[in-house]
Amino acid sequence: MPDTAGGWTVYGERPAYDNPWVRVQLVDVEAPDGNRFEYHVVELARIAVALIVNDRDQVLLLHKYRFPTDQWGYEMPGGMVDDGEESPISAARETAEESGWQVHGEPEHLLSIEPLPGQVRARVDAYLWRGAEHVGDPTDPEEVGDIEWVDIARIPELVVQGQVLGAATAAVLLYYFSTRHSAR
């Protein structure tokens, strides 16, 4: 049974490529203008990220290199949500693995976004913690970066200068920056 929404009719989909990190789906659709075709949709694993703020209004960021885009920049700690794992648990686990900082207290869900909804399904869930404890060195050698506490006041400048990597990291940091006084 086709599903219709927003003028688009979806008749079904089939995988073109599938692995644990990325899947390409061929979606049989009819566009609002009546044309029917297969549309390529990329699906990425669900991601959970942690925004950790200390009492000096600084955020914990990783400064790292990303070879696919040949860029150095800042990211929040986070990663894939494992099967059967809740998103905030994933964000906390990934933070400890990537930074050596263990969050404490209950997280606040900030937002969930789809950064490229025209062609990509890539949900990112972002959680806020207001404190963490340094428990040791990072344990995930593939995700290690320089760990920095960055003044939140620098965030807009870093985003404009292209020093923040990824739409999700930029969106979460700018959201927090714009709402931080009302969020307390």
Protein backbone atom coordinates (compact mmCIF):
# COMPACT_ATOMS: atom_id res chain seq x y z
CA MET A 1 0.00 0.00 0.00
CA PRO A 2 1.64 3.29 -1.06
CA ASP A 3 2.20 6.01 1.52
CA THR A 4 1.40 9.59 0.45
CA ALA A 5 2.55 12.75 2.24
CA GLY A 6 3.37 16.25 1.05
CA GLY A 7 2.43 15.37 -2.51
CA TRP A 8 4.96 12.52 -2.65
CA THR A 9 3.85 8.88 -2.93
CA VAL A 10 6.25 6.21 -1.69
CA TYR A 11 5.61 2.74 -3.15
CA GLY A 12 8.46 1.00 -1.34
CA GLU A 13 12.20 0.80 -1.07
CA ARG A 14 14.99 -1.71 -1.49
CA PRO A 15 18.62 -1.74 -0.42
CA ALA A 16 21.33 -0.99 -2.96
CA TYR A 17 24.19 -1.16 -0.42
CA ASP A 18 24.17 -2.11 3.24
CA ASN A 19 26.72 -2.26 6.08
CA PRO A 20 26.68 -1.22 9.77
CA TRP A 21 27.70 2.39 9.04
CA VAL A 22 25.95 3.32 5.82
CA ARG A 23 23.09 2.04 3.73
CA VAL A 24 21.90 3.24 0.34
CA GLN A 25 18.20 2.70 -0.33
CA LEU A 26 16.46 2.93 -3.70
CA VAL A 27 13.05 4.42 -2.96
CA ASP A 28 10.26 3.99 -5.52
CA VAL A 29 8.52 7.38 -5.45
CA GLU A 30 6.07 9.45 -7.38
CA ALA A 31 6.84 13.18 -7.19
CA PRO A 32 4.12 15.83 -6.82
CA ASP A 33 4.35 16.47 -10.58
CA GLY A 34 3.35 12.85 -11.31
CA ASN A 35 6.78 11.56 -12.36
CA ARG A 36 7.67 8.17 -10.86
CA PHE A 37 11.32 7.15 -10.37
CA GLU A 38 13.82 5.56 -7.99
CA TYR A 39 15.32 8.04 -5.56
CA HIS A 40 18.62 7.33 -3.79
CA VAL A 41 18.50 7.79 -0.01
CA VAL A 42 21.59 7.40 2.16
CA GLU A 43 20.97 6.10 5.69
CA LEU A 44 23.60 6.59 8.37
CA ALA A 45 23.61 5.06 11.83
CA ARG A 46 21.86 7.08 14.54
CA ILE A 47 24.31 9.30 16.41
CA ALA A 48 24.21 10.71 19.94
CA VAL A 49 26.40 13.63 21.00
CA ALA A 50 27.19 15.23 24.34
CA LEU A 51 27.39 18.92 25.05
CA ILE A 52 29.23 19.25 28.34
CA VAL A 53 29.28 22.67 29.99
CA ASN A 54 31.37 23.50 33.05
CA ASP A 55 30.77 26.19 35.67
CA ARG A 56 33.02 28.63 33.74
CA ASP A 57 30.66 28.62 30.72
CA GLN A 58 33.03 26.48 28.68
CA VAL A 59 32.16 23.48 26.51
CA LEU A 60 34.20 20.31 26.11
CA LEU A 61 35.22 19.90 22.47
CA LEU A 62 37.57 17.67 20.56
CA HIS A 63 39.86 19.29 18.01
CA LYS A 64 40.54 16.66 15.37
CA TYR A 65 41.28 15.90 11.76
CA ARG A 66 38.63 14.43 9.42
CA PHE A 67 40.20 12.91 6.32
CA PRO A 68 37.01 12.66 4.17
CA THR A 69 36.83 16.47 4.02
CA ASP A 70 40.54 17.14 4.73
CA GLN A 71 39.65 19.43 7.65
CA TRP A 72 40.78 20.16 11.17
CA GLY A 73 38.12 21.46 13.52
CA TYR A 74 36.06 21.16 16.65
CA GLU A 75 33.46 18.50 17.37
CA MET A 76 31.46 17.44 20.39
CA PRO A 77 32.13 13.93 21.64
CA GLY A 78 29.63 11.36 20.46
CA GLY A 79 29.06 8.45 18.15
CA MET A 80 26.85 5.64 16.99
CA VAL A 81 23.96 4.46 19.13
CA ASP A 82 24.50 0.73 19.60
CA ASP A 83 21.61 -1.69 19.10
CA GLY A 84 19.46 -1.76 22.23
CA GLU A 85 21.21 1.27 23.73
CA GLU A 86 19.44 4.51 24.63
CA SER A 87 20.82 7.67 23.00
CA PRO A 88 21.92 9.42 26.23
CA ILE A 89 23.79 6.28 27.32
CA SER A 90 25.57 6.26 23.94
CA ALA A 91 26.52 9.93 24.26
CA ALA A 92 27.91 9.37 27.76
CA ARG A 93 29.82 6.22 26.73
CA GLU A 94 31.30 7.88 23.64
CA THR A 95 32.33 10.92 25.68
CA ALA A 96 34.34 8.78 28.09
CA GLU A 97 35.90 6.77 25.24
CA GLU A 98 36.85 9.81 23.14
CA SER A 99 37.82 12.32 25.82
CA GLY A 100 38.49 10.57 29.13
CA TRP A 101 35.77 12.69 30.76
CA GLN A 102 32.83 10.97 32.47
CA VAL A 103 29.59 12.93 32.56
CA HIS A 104 27.56 12.99 35.74
CA GLY A 105 23.97 13.81 36.54
CA GLU A 106 20.91 13.51 34.38
CA PRO A 107 21.21 14.71 30.79
CA GLU A 108 18.90 17.29 29.27
CA HIS A 109 17.74 16.45 25.76
CA LEU A 110 18.56 19.54 23.70
CA LEU A 111 17.38 18.56 20.24
CA SER A 112 17.29 15.89 17.59
CA ILE A 113 18.04 16.84 14.01
CA GLU A 114 18.29 15.42 10.52
CA PRO A 115 21.12 17.53 9.06
CA LEU A 116 20.58 16.69 5.35
CA PRO A 117 16.94 15.58 4.96
CA GLY A 118 16.79 15.90 1.18
CA GLN A 119 18.91 12.81 0.56
CA VAL A 120 20.15 11.49 3.90
CA ARG A 121 18.55 9.89 6.94
CA ALA A 122 21.04 10.67 9.70
CA ARG A 123 19.35 11.43 13.01
CA VAL A 124 21.55 13.07 15.61
CA ASP A 125 20.37 13.31 19.23
CA ALA A 126 22.08 15.93 21.41
CA TYR A 127 22.20 15.93 25.20
CA LEU A 128 23.45 18.51 27.68
CA TRP A 129 25.35 17.73 30.86
CA ARG A 130 26.44 20.44 33.26
CA GLY A 131 29.59 18.82 34.45
CA ALA A 132 31.97 15.94 34.04
CA GLU A 133 34.91 14.38 35.81
CA HIS A 134 38.24 13.55 34.22
CA VAL A 135 38.69 9.79 34.69
CA GLY A 136 41.69 9.06 32.50
CA ASP A 137 42.98 9.01 28.98
CA PRO A 138 40.72 8.45 25.97
CA THR A 139 40.34 4.77 25.06
CA ASP A 140 39.17 5.04 21.44
CA PRO A 141 42.33 5.66 19.37
CA GLU A 142 40.40 6.21 16.12
CA GLU A 143 38.39 9.10 17.59
CA VAL A 144 40.95 10.83 19.75
CA GLY A 145 41.50 14.53 19.27
CA ASP A 146 42.97 17.32 21.34
CA ILE A 147 40.59 17.86 24.24
CA GLU A 148 39.78 21.50 24.91
CA TRP A 149 37.43 23.47 27.12
CA VAL A 150 36.30 26.29 24.82
CA ASP A 151 34.55 29.45 26.00
CA ILE A 152 30.96 29.33 24.74
CA ALA A 153 31.29 33.00 23.73
CA ARG A 154 33.75 31.88 20.97
CA ILE A 155 31.25 29.51 19.33
CA PRO A 156 29.73 31.90 16.73
CA GLU A 157 33.21 33.01 15.63
CA LEU A 158 34.44 29.39 15.34
CA VAL A 159 31.39 28.41 13.28
CA VAL A 160 31.78 31.38 10.90
CA GLN A 161 35.49 30.63 10.47
CA GLY A 162 34.69 27.02 9.50
CA GLN A 163 36.43 25.66 12.59
CA VAL A 164 33.39 23.65 13.75
CA LEU A 165 33.02 20.39 11.85
CA GLY A 166 29.62 19.06 10.89
CA ALA A 167 26.15 20.52 10.65
CA ALA A 168 24.98 18.74 13.80
CA THR A 169 27.82 20.08 15.96
CA ALA A 170 27.31 23.61 14.63
CA ALA A 171 23.53 23.45 15.12
CA VAL A 172 23.78 22.16 18.69
CA LEU A 173 26.47 24.64 19.72
CA LEU A 174 24.64 27.59 18.19
CA TYR A 175 21.35 26.45 19.73
CA TYR A 176 22.94 26.28 23.17
CA PHE A 177 24.71 29.62 22.65
CA SER A 178 21.44 31.33 21.71
CA THR A 179 19.40 29.84 24.57
CA ARG A 180 21.90 29.42 27.40
CA HIS A 181 20.65 32.28 29.56
CA SER A 182 17.06 31.09 29.43
CA ALA A 183 18.04 27.40 29.85
CA ARG A 184 19.38 27.77 33.39
